[in-house]
Amino acid sequence: MAEPSGVNSPCSRCAILERRIAELEAQLAARDARIAKLEAQIARYEKRIAELERLVLEATRANKRQAAPFSRNQPKSKPKRPGRSEGHVAATRAAPTPEQISQTIDVPLERCPSCGGPVEDLQTHEQTVTDLPRVEPITNQYVTHSGYCRRCGKRVRSRHDDQTSPAGGAAGNQIGPNALALAADLKHRLGLSYRKITDLFRCHFGLTVCGATLARAGQRLARFSAGTYQTLITVVRASRVVCADETGWRINARSAWLWVFTNDYVTVYLIREDRSQTVIRDVLGPYFRGVLSSDCCASYDPIEADKQKCQGHLLKDLSAIEAVKSPAAARFSTRAAKIIQRAIQLQRRHQSMSTHGYASACGQIEARMDRLLDKRYADPDNRRLAKRMIKHRDHLFTFLYVEEVEPTNNAAERALRPAVIARKLSAGNRSPTGAQTHSIIASLAQTARQNGRDFIAAAKAVLCHRDPTYIAPVLPSLVSG
């Protein structure tokens, strides 16, 4: 007897099962495809994570290196040619010839140096060789006289201009001001340790001196330079533009900060144990009316002054975001970097533009930045950087309106480099007195170098005057006068 046809018939059930199996196979295939897609995405993410970990590791190793790394992590594809840039005046020994000749030495040619035969048709050639003489210490003995003044009854004593101390007896054997000033320059500007300085003096100058003597002399130099140091701070407070920055330091293995405040003709270093606005106010004073150029550290925010935030730091952060984001997520950083770069180029072309044209171009840049920062960004990195730029919006383009202001804070960073090198070699200072000594002497040395002044002569004058109110000649006459 035949099976009845209907829903429950075997053929109907088979058809339903086959359709169900087909649906499940389609779902399984879709899931397999999604799993494969996710596995490929995970593989890409793992590869990117490994790459980022490698970059972080290389950056960490680079930060632990000395001040000048051996090589870049990523060499440039088109590096600049070595040597001076195009149009730079060449510096050679061919010209000018030294004005003063110490001695003329005749080198005769009597015989051929090859075969010993006679030489005829002689010609004369001249060559000047400038060299350093062998340095030998000079020991002077000063015979001073003392007595009582008939008028005031005060006991007085004669003193030579090159004496740094009237000490006699067991302390009568002194190191002269030239050697002490040179040691201060080597220590606080060039970053040599006292051990290396004493070795240099002994090996090349024939002068035996211990490091403790040089350390105490440096403290005396700082103490007698108090008036000059305060003058440098006064000049900073009256400056039209001041660039400031800070870097980590150590005082007796405790964390501290070395601050720098600088411009074209003065540099002031200050070592403190905190990184707060108090340090900035102590240097700039309550009535600073110039432009303060700095990075985006929060310590500078409460200062009531016109500011310029470093565009170099912003460009670096924008470039870092652009390097790890997709083209869509990197759109913010790309546009922001282009606006900043156009602003920097505009400032360079300021002198070649009309007043109206320059003002119009500045307005366009301001409007583009406002439109960019007015948008909402889903990416957290973009949102974080946009928030920072909004916070400092009024201080992004000060350099477009104040001629003396630079778009970057490179001047302060360059001023920090000698301190960073000294920190690498000495790991900071052992005491607050040493930190104060380094702050004062480094400030005088760097300021003298900026103005083409002889720091050795200035330090010698300070040591010989022994007067904290004496002002050393390290500033340009226009400022110091």
Protein backbone atom coordinates (compact mmCIF):
# COMPACT_ATOMS: atom_id res chain seq x y z
CA MET A 1 0.00 0.00 0.00
CA ALA A 2 1.51 3.37 -1.00
CA GLU A 3 2.58 6.00 1.58
CA PRO A 4 0.13 8.86 1.81
CA SER A 5 1.33 12.14 0.46
CA GLY A 6 1.37 15.17 2.79
CA VAL A 7 3.47 17.12 5.20
CA ASN A 8 4.43 14.07 7.24
CA SER A 9 5.32 11.95 4.26
CA PRO A 10 8.96 10.77 4.08
CA CYS A 11 9.63 12.80 0.92
CA SER A 12 8.30 15.97 2.51
CA ARG A 13 10.42 15.45 5.62
CA CYS A 14 13.51 14.85 3.50
CA ALA A 15 12.92 18.09 1.60
CA ILE A 16 12.54 20.03 4.85
CA LEU A 17 15.69 18.47 6.26
CA GLU A 18 17.63 19.20 3.11
CA ARG A 19 16.55 22.83 3.20
CA ARG A 20 17.52 23.03 6.86
CA ILE A 21 20.87 21.45 6.17
CA ALA A 22 21.43 23.91 3.33
CA GLU A 23 20.61 26.84 5.65
CA LEU A 24 22.97 25.52 8.32
CA GLU A 25 25.73 24.99 5.79
CA ALA A 26 25.25 28.55 4.52
CA GLN A 27 25.44 29.87 8.10
CA LEU A 28 28.53 27.77 8.75
CA ALA A 29 30.17 29.03 5.57
CA ALA A 30 29.37 32.61 6.58
CA ARG A 31 30.81 32.00 10.03
CA ASP A 32 33.92 30.39 8.52
CA ALA A 33 34.36 33.41 6.26
CA ARG A 34 33.94 35.80 9.21
CA ILE A 35 36.37 33.74 11.31
CA ALA A 36 38.90 33.86 8.49
CA LYS A 37 38.41 37.62 8.19
CA LEU A 38 38.84 38.10 11.93
CA GLU A 39 41.92 35.86 11.97
CA ALA A 40 43.44 37.93 9.18
CA GLN A 41 42.60 41.12 11.09
CA ILE A 42 44.11 39.66 14.27
CA ALA A 43 47.24 38.75 12.33
CA ARG A 44 47.54 42.32 11.08
CA TYR A 45 47.02 43.67 14.58
CA GLU A 46 49.61 41.29 16.03
CA LYS A 47 52.06 42.37 13.36
CA ARG A 48 51.37 46.02 14.11
CA ILE A 49 51.68 45.42 17.86
CA ALA A 50 55.03 43.72 17.32
CA GLU A 51 56.17 46.66 15.21
CA LEU A 52 55.05 49.17 17.85
CA GLU A 53 56.75 47.16 20.58
CA ARG A 54 59.94 47.20 18.54
CA LEU A 55 59.69 50.97 18.11
CA VAL A 56 59.03 51.46 21.83
CA LEU A 57 62.01 49.27 22.67
CA GLU A 58 64.26 51.18 20.29
CA ALA A 59 63.02 54.49 21.69
CA THR A 60 63.69 53.27 25.22
CA ARG A 61 67.19 52.20 24.29
CA ALA A 62 67.78 55.50 22.50
CA ASN A 63 66.71 57.44 25.59
CA LYS A 64 69.25 55.50 27.66
CA ARG A 65 72.08 56.40 25.32
CA GLN A 66 74.43 59.31 25.68
CA ALA A 67 73.45 62.79 24.55
CA ALA A 68 74.53 62.08 20.97
CA PRO A 69 73.27 58.67 19.72
CA PHE A 70 75.52 56.78 17.37
CA SER A 71 72.97 56.78 14.56
CA ARG A 72 69.35 57.45 13.77
CA ASN A 73 66.81 54.67 14.07
CA GLN A 74 65.42 55.47 10.62
CA PRO A 75 67.99 57.05 8.27
CA LYS A 76 66.63 59.65 5.91
CA SER A 77 66.04 58.52 2.34
CA LYS A 78 67.50 61.76 0.98
CA PRO A 79 69.98 63.08 3.56
CA LYS A 80 71.56 66.49 3.22
CA ARG A 81 75.00 66.76 1.70
CA PRO A 82 77.75 67.00 4.32
CA GLY A 83 79.47 70.34 4.79
CA ARG A 84 78.27 73.92 4.70
CA SER A 85 74.97 74.86 3.19
CA GLU A 86 74.79 76.57 -0.19
CA GLY A 87 75.68 80.25 -0.01
CA HIS A 88 77.51 79.97 3.31
CA VAL A 89 80.84 81.80 3.40
CA ALA A 90 83.68 79.30 3.34
CA ALA A 91 86.01 79.15 6.34
CA THR A 92 89.54 78.09 5.38
CA ARG A 93 93.05 78.53 6.71
CA ALA A 94 94.14 80.10 3.40
CA ALA A 95 92.79 83.51 4.37
CA PRO A 96 93.38 85.62 6.23
CA THR A 97 97.11 85.21 6.91
CA PRO A 98 97.99 85.74 10.57
CA GLU A 99 98.86 89.37 11.20
CA GLN A 100 101.70 88.61 13.60
CA ILE A 101 104.52 86.14 12.89
CA SER A 102 106.27 84.89 16.02
CA GLN A 103 109.42 83.81 14.22
CA THR A 104 110.64 83.12 10.70
CA ILE A 105 112.51 79.85 10.16
CA ASP A 106 114.57 79.35 7.01
CA VAL A 107 114.68 75.77 5.72
CA PRO A 108 117.69 75.55 3.31
CA LEU A 109 117.89 73.16 0.38
CA GLU A 110 121.59 72.40 -0.18
CA ARG A 111 121.40 68.98 -1.81
CA CYS A 112 118.79 66.89 -3.57
CA PRO A 113 117.08 64.76 -0.90
CA SER A 114 116.83 61.85 -3.39
CA CYS A 115 120.31 61.54 -4.90
CA GLY A 116 122.39 64.16 -3.08
CA GLY A 117 123.19 66.18 -6.22
CA PRO A 118 123.46 69.98 -6.35
CA VAL A 119 120.25 72.02 -6.78
CA GLU A 120 119.92 74.99 -9.12
CA ASP A 121 117.18 77.52 -10.02
CA LEU A 122 116.12 77.81 -6.36
CA GLN A 123 112.72 79.35 -5.57
CA THR A 124 111.30 80.54 -2.26
CA HIS A 125 107.98 79.36 -0.79
CA GLU A 126 106.24 80.56 2.36
CA GLN A 127 103.97 78.70 4.73
CA THR A 128 102.57 79.86 8.06
CA VAL A 129 101.89 77.29 10.77
CA THR A 130 99.87 78.35 13.81
CA ASP A 131 100.36 76.03 16.76
CA LEU A 132 99.97 75.97 20.52
CA PRO A 133 103.08 76.43 22.65
CA ARG A 134 103.93 74.05 25.43
CA VAL A 135 102.12 75.36 28.49
CA GLU A 136 104.11 75.48 31.69
CA PRO A 137 102.85 76.86 34.99
CA ILE A 138 104.21 80.20 36.20
CA THR A 139 104.66 80.61 39.94
CA ASN A 140 104.70 84.19 41.24
CA GLN A 141 105.58 85.10 44.79
CA TYR A 142 103.82 88.21 46.07
CA VAL A 143 105.43 90.04 48.96
CA THR A 144 102.69 92.11 50.55
CA HIS A 145 102.90 94.61 53.36
CA SER A 146 100.54 95.40 56.20
CA GLY A 147 100.31 98.07 58.83
CA TYR A 148 98.04 100.48 60.74
CA CYS A 149 96.58 103.61 59.22
CA ARG A 150 97.59 106.71 61.23
CA ARG A 151 94.28 108.41 60.39
CA CYS A 152 91.64 105.73 61.09
CA GLY A 153 93.68 103.20 62.99
CA LYS A 154 92.55 100.37 60.73
CA ARG A 155 95.00 97.62 59.90
CA VAL A 156 95.49 97.47 56.13
CA ARG A 157 97.42 95.24 53.75
CA SER A 158 98.66 95.65 50.19
CA ARG A 159 97.29 93.41 47.47
CA HIS A 160 98.14 92.67 43.84
CA ASP A 161 95.44 92.65 41.17
CA ASP A 162 96.05 88.96 40.39
CA GLN A 163 95.69 87.75 43.98
CA THR A 164 92.46 85.90 44.69
CA SER A 165 93.05 85.61 48.44
CA PRO A 166 95.17 87.39 51.08
CA ALA A 167 95.76 84.07 52.87
CA GLY A 168 99.25 83.33 54.14
CA GLY A 169 101.07 80.77 56.23
CA ALA A 170 99.85 77.21 55.64
CA ALA A 171 97.24 78.53 53.14
CA GLY A 172 99.71 80.76 51.37
CA ASN A 173 100.19 78.40 48.40
CA GLN A 174 97.30 79.37 46.08
CA ILE A 175 96.13 78.44 42.58
CA GLY A 176 95.95 81.47 40.31
CA PRO A 177 92.77 83.00 38.84
CA ASN A 178 93.52 81.96 35.25
CA ALA A 179 93.67 78.27 36.21
CA LEU A 180 90.58 78.53 38.42
CA ALA A 181 88.59 80.35 35.74
CA LEU A 182 89.58 77.76 33.12
CA ALA A 183 88.55 74.95 35.46
CA ALA A 184 85.16 76.60 35.99
CA ASP A 185 84.62 76.87 32.23
CA LEU A 186 85.61 73.24 31.66
CA LYS A 187 83.36 72.04 34.49
CA HIS A 188 80.20 74.12 34.16
CA ARG A 189 80.08 74.90 30.43
CA LEU A 190 81.85 71.98 28.76
CA GLY A 191 80.78 69.34 31.29
CA LEU A 192 84.14 67.85 32.30
CA SER A 193 84.42 66.27 35.72
CA TYR A 194 86.90 67.59 38.27
CA ARG A 195 88.88 64.37 37.94
CA LYS A 196 89.31 64.89 34.21
CA ILE A 197 90.19 68.57 34.73
CA THR A 198 92.91 67.72 37.23
CA ASP A 199 94.23 65.09 34.83
CA LEU A 200 94.25 67.64 31.98
CA PHE A 201 96.12 70.18 34.12
CA ARG A 202 98.68 67.61 35.21
CA CYS A 203 99.33 65.99 31.81
CA HIS A 204 99.25 69.03 29.53
CA PHE A 205 99.99 72.00 31.79
CA GLY A 206 102.29 70.47 34.37
CA LEU A 207 100.07 71.80 37.16
CA THR A 208 99.17 69.48 40.02
CA VAL A 209 95.93 70.35 41.76
CA CYS A 210 93.23 68.31 43.53
CA GLY A 211 89.57 68.30 42.63
CA ALA A 212 88.49 69.58 46.04
CA THR A 213 90.50 72.76 45.47
CA LEU A 214 88.72 73.39 42.19
CA ALA A 215 85.32 72.61 43.75
CA ARG A 216 85.85 75.12 46.57
CA ALA A 217 87.10 77.68 44.06
CA GLY A 218 83.94 77.17 42.00
CA GLN A 219 81.83 77.83 45.09
CA ARG A 220 83.76 81.06 45.75
CA LEU A 221 83.29 82.11 42.13
CA ALA A 222 79.55 81.52 42.40
CA ARG A 223 79.37 83.41 45.69
CA PHE A 224 81.20 86.43 44.26
CA SER A 225 79.05 86.28 41.10
CA ALA A 226 75.79 86.79 42.99
CA GLY A 227 75.45 90.36 41.72
CA THR A 228 76.06 89.35 38.10
CA TYR A 229 73.58 86.46 38.37
CA GLN A 230 70.90 88.77 39.74
CA THR A 231 71.62 91.19 36.89
CA LEU A 232 71.02 88.38 34.39
CA ILE A 233 67.65 87.66 36.02
CA THR A 234 66.78 91.37 35.84
CA VAL A 235 67.62 91.41 32.13
CA VAL A 236 65.40 88.35 31.59
CA ARG A 237 62.49 90.07 33.33
CA ALA A 238 62.85 93.12 31.06
CA SER A 239 63.22 91.09 27.84
CA ARG A 240 60.73 91.21 24.99
CA VAL A 241 60.88 87.43 24.49
CA VAL A 242 61.98 84.67 26.87
CA CYS A 243 62.22 80.98 25.93
CA ALA A 244 61.88 78.58 28.87
CA ASP A 245 62.29 74.85 29.30
CA GLU A 246 63.21 72.33 31.97
CA THR A 247 64.84 68.93 32.25
CA GLY A 248 65.33 66.36 34.97
CA TRP A 249 68.21 66.74 37.42
CA ARG A 250 69.52 65.14 40.60
CA ILE A 251 70.61 66.63 43.92
CA ASN A 252 72.21 64.00 46.13
CA ALA A 253 70.31 61.30 44.16
CA ARG A 254 66.96 63.06 44.76
CA SER A 255 64.81 64.20 41.86
CA ALA A 256 65.12 67.85 40.87
CA TRP A 257 64.70 70.03 37.79
CA LEU A 258 67.09 72.24 35.89
CA TRP A 259 65.29 75.24 34.36
CA VAL A 260 66.55 77.53 31.62
CA PHE A 261 65.31 80.99 30.62
CA THR A 262 67.03 82.35 27.53
CA ASN A 263 66.89 84.67 24.53
CA ASP A 264 69.42 86.07 22.07
CA TYR A 265 71.75 87.67 24.63
CA VAL A 266 71.13 86.21 28.09
CA THR A 267 70.70 82.74 29.61
CA VAL A 268 69.75 81.94 33.20
CA TYR A 269 69.89 78.43 34.66
CA LEU A 270 68.13 77.51 37.87
CA ILE A 271 68.05 74.16 39.69
CA ARG A 272 65.08 73.52 41.96
CA GLU A 273 63.48 70.45 43.51
CA ASP A 274 60.04 71.26 42.06
CA ARG A 275 58.56 71.82 38.62
CA SER A 276 55.82 74.24 39.63
CA GLN A 277 54.87 77.72 38.49
CA THR A 278 56.68 79.11 41.55
CA VAL A 279 60.02 78.71 39.79
CA ILE A 280 58.80 80.61 36.74
CA ARG A 281 57.40 83.43 38.88
CA ASP A 282 60.66 83.66 40.87
CA VAL A 283 62.60 84.27 37.66
CA LEU A 284 60.17 86.35 35.61
CA GLY A 285 58.85 88.34 38.55
CA PRO A 286 55.32 89.72 38.95
CA TYR A 287 55.57 92.34 36.20
CA PHE A 288 56.84 90.40 33.17
CA ARG A 289 55.33 91.92 30.03
CA GLY A 290 57.15 90.01 27.32
CA VAL A 291 56.25 86.83 25.43
CA LEU A 292 56.97 83.51 27.16
CA SER A 293 57.81 80.73 24.70
CA SER A 294 57.55 77.19 26.07
CA ASP A 295 56.13 73.74 25.54
CA CYS A 296 52.68 72.76 26.80
CA CYS A 297 53.75 71.91 30.35
CA ALA A 298 50.97 72.91 32.77
CA SER A 299 53.38 74.91 34.96
CA TYR A 300 53.41 77.73 32.41
CA ASP A 301 49.62 78.07 32.18
CA PRO A 302 48.99 80.29 35.25
CA ILE A 303 51.63 82.85 34.21
CA GLU A 304 49.92 86.12 33.25
CA ALA A 305 51.80 86.94 30.05
CA ASP A 306 51.58 86.55 26.31
CA LYS A 307 52.72 83.06 25.37
CA GLN A 308 53.90 81.07 22.38
CA LYS A 309 53.54 77.30 22.47
CA CYS A 310 56.21 75.36 20.63
CA GLN A 311 55.02 74.36 17.17
CA GLY A 312 57.84 71.84 16.92
CA HIS A 313 56.38 69.77 19.76
CA LEU A 314 52.92 69.90 18.18
CA LEU A 315 54.24 68.84 14.76
CA LYS A 316 56.09 65.95 16.38
CA ASP A 317 52.95 64.75 18.19
CA LEU A 318 50.85 65.13 15.03
CA SER A 319 53.40 63.15 13.04
CA ALA A 320 53.38 60.37 15.64
CA ILE A 321 49.59 60.05 15.37
CA GLU A 322 49.69 60.11 11.58
CA ALA A 323 52.25 57.29 11.55
CA VAL A 324 50.03 54.78 13.40
CA LYS A 325 46.53 55.70 12.25
CA SER A 326 44.54 54.80 9.19
CA PRO A 327 44.20 57.50 6.52
CA ALA A 328 40.71 58.36 7.77
CA ALA A 329 41.78 58.61 11.43
CA ALA A 330 44.94 60.54 10.49
CA ARG A 331 42.97 63.22 8.63
CA PHE A 332 42.97 65.53 11.68
CA SER A 333 46.71 65.32 12.28
CA THR A 334 47.47 65.80 8.58
CA ARG A 335 45.30 68.92 8.29
CA ALA A 336 46.57 70.41 11.56
CA ALA A 337 50.20 69.87 10.52
CA LYS A 338 49.58 71.57 7.16
CA ILE A 339 48.04 74.62 8.86
CA ILE A 340 51.00 74.94 11.25
CA GLN A 341 53.53 74.51 8.46
CA ARG A 342 51.78 77.17 6.37
CA ALA A 343 51.88 79.52 9.35
CA ILE A 344 55.63 78.99 9.74
CA GLN A 345 56.19 79.60 6.02
CA LEU A 346 54.03 82.72 6.19
CA GLN A 347 56.12 84.15 9.01
CA ARG A 348 59.27 83.63 6.96
CA ARG A 349 57.74 85.55 4.04
CA HIS A 350 56.51 88.40 6.23
CA GLN A 351 59.06 90.96 5.04
CA SER A 352 58.27 90.34 1.37
CA MET A 353 54.50 90.85 1.76
CA SER A 354 52.31 93.92 2.07
CA THR A 355 50.72 94.72 5.42
CA HIS A 356 47.22 93.98 4.14
CA GLY A 357 48.27 90.78 2.39
CA TYR A 358 50.04 89.48 5.48
CA ALA A 359 47.10 90.31 7.74
CA SER A 360 44.70 88.59 5.35
CA ALA A 361 46.89 85.46 5.21
CA CYS A 362 47.09 85.38 9.03
CA GLY A 363 43.30 85.59 9.23
CA GLN A 364 42.91 82.67 6.84
CA ILE A 365 45.23 80.50 8.93
CA GLU A 366 43.40 81.41 12.14
CA ALA A 367 40.03 80.59 10.53
CA ARG A 368 41.24 77.22 9.21
CA MET A 369 42.53 76.23 12.62
CA ASP A 370 39.25 77.31 14.28
CA ARG A 371 37.20 75.24 11.83
CA LEU A 372 39.44 72.22 12.39
CA LEU A 373 39.26 72.41 16.18
CA ASP A 374 35.50 73.06 16.16
CA LYS A 375 34.78 69.50 14.97
CA ARG A 376 34.24 66.42 17.11
CA TYR A 377 36.68 63.52 16.80
CA ALA A 378 35.88 59.92 17.69
CA ASP A 379 39.48 58.72 17.80
CA PRO A 380 40.81 59.14 21.39
CA ASP A 381 44.29 60.25 20.30
CA ASN A 382 42.89 62.88 17.97
CA ARG A 383 40.44 64.00 20.65
CA ARG A 384 43.23 64.29 23.22
CA LEU A 385 45.51 66.34 20.97
CA ALA A 386 42.64 68.53 19.75
CA LYS A 387 41.71 69.21 23.38
CA ARG A 388 45.27 70.34 24.09
CA MET A 389 45.31 72.61 21.05
CA ILE A 390 41.96 74.12 22.06
CA LYS A 391 43.34 74.79 25.52
CA HIS A 392 46.32 76.68 24.06
CA ARG A 393 44.46 78.10 21.06
CA ASP A 394 45.28 81.72 21.91
CA HIS A 395 48.99 80.90 22.10
CA LEU A 396 49.49 78.91 18.89
CA PHE A 397 50.21 81.74 16.45
CA THR A 398 51.72 84.54 18.56
CA PHE A 399 54.81 84.32 16.34
CA LEU A 400 52.74 85.64 13.42
CA TYR A 401 52.19 88.97 15.19
CA VAL A 402 55.34 89.54 17.28
CA GLU A 403 58.43 89.75 15.11
CA GLU A 404 60.93 88.61 17.75
CA VAL A 405 59.02 85.42 18.56
CA GLU A 406 60.02 82.15 16.91
CA PRO A 407 57.43 79.42 16.20
CA THR A 408 59.46 76.81 18.07
CA ASN A 409 61.15 76.69 21.45
CA ASN A 410 64.43 75.48 19.97
CA ALA A 411 66.46 78.24 21.66
CA ALA A 412 65.66 76.86 25.11
CA GLU A 413 66.30 73.29 24.01
CA ARG A 414 69.69 74.27 22.59
CA ALA A 415 70.52 76.00 25.86
CA LEU A 416 69.65 72.78 27.73
CA ARG A 417 72.03 70.60 25.71
CA PRO A 418 75.20 71.50 27.67
CA ALA A 419 73.31 70.79 30.89
CA VAL A 420 72.08 67.45 29.56
CA ILE A 421 75.64 66.47 28.64
CA ALA A 422 76.86 67.52 32.09
CA ARG A 423 74.06 65.46 33.66
CA LYS A 424 75.08 62.40 31.65
CA LEU A 425 78.64 62.70 32.95
CA SER A 426 78.03 63.78 36.55
CA ALA A 427 74.46 62.57 37.29
CA GLY A 428 73.67 65.98 38.78
CA ASN A 429 74.98 67.54 41.99
CA ARG A 430 75.76 66.12 45.40
CA SER A 431 74.43 69.06 47.41
CA PRO A 432 72.22 72.15 47.10
CA THR A 433 75.39 74.25 47.25
CA GLY A 434 76.75 72.43 44.21
CA ALA A 435 73.46 72.95 42.39
CA GLN A 436 73.53 76.68 43.14
CA THR A 437 77.16 76.87 42.03
CA HIS A 438 76.39 75.16 38.73
CA SER A 439 73.36 77.39 38.12
CA ILE A 440 75.32 80.61 38.56
CA ILE A 441 78.54 79.70 36.75
CA ALA A 442 76.76 77.99 33.84
CA SER A 443 74.57 81.09 33.44
CA LEU A 444 77.59 83.41 33.28
CA ALA A 445 79.49 81.12 30.91
CA GLN A 446 76.61 80.64 28.47
CA THR A 447 75.72 84.35 28.48
CA ALA A 448 79.34 85.30 27.83
CA ARG A 449 79.49 82.84 24.94
CA GLN A 450 76.29 84.27 23.42
CA ASN A 451 77.75 87.77 23.41
CA GLY A 452 81.27 86.93 22.26
CA ARG A 453 82.71 87.79 25.68
CA ASP A 454 85.70 86.06 27.28
CA PHE A 455 84.33 84.06 30.20
CA ILE A 456 87.84 83.23 31.43
CA ALA A 457 88.64 86.94 31.75
CA ALA A 458 85.26 87.65 33.36
CA ALA A 459 85.66 84.84 35.90
CA LYS A 460 89.19 85.98 36.69
CA ALA A 461 87.90 89.50 37.36
CA VAL A 462 85.22 88.13 39.69
CA LEU A 463 87.74 86.04 41.64
CA CYS A 464 90.15 88.93 42.00
CA HIS A 465 87.50 91.49 42.98
CA ARG A 466 86.01 89.17 45.63
CA ASP A 467 82.95 91.42 45.78
CA PRO A 468 79.42 89.95 45.41
CA THR A 469 78.19 93.31 44.08
CA TYR A 470 80.70 93.34 41.21
CA ILE A 471 79.08 92.90 37.77
CA ALA A 472 81.17 90.70 35.46
CA PRO A 473 81.42 91.77 31.79
CA VAL A 474 79.37 88.98 30.22
CA LEU A 475 76.47 90.98 28.76
CA PRO A 476 76.60 93.22 25.66
CA SER A 477 77.39 96.83 26.50
CA LEU A 478 73.96 97.94 25.25
CA VAL A 479 72.26 95.75 27.88
CA SER A 480 74.74 95.92 30.74
CA GLY A 481 75.03 99.71 30.42
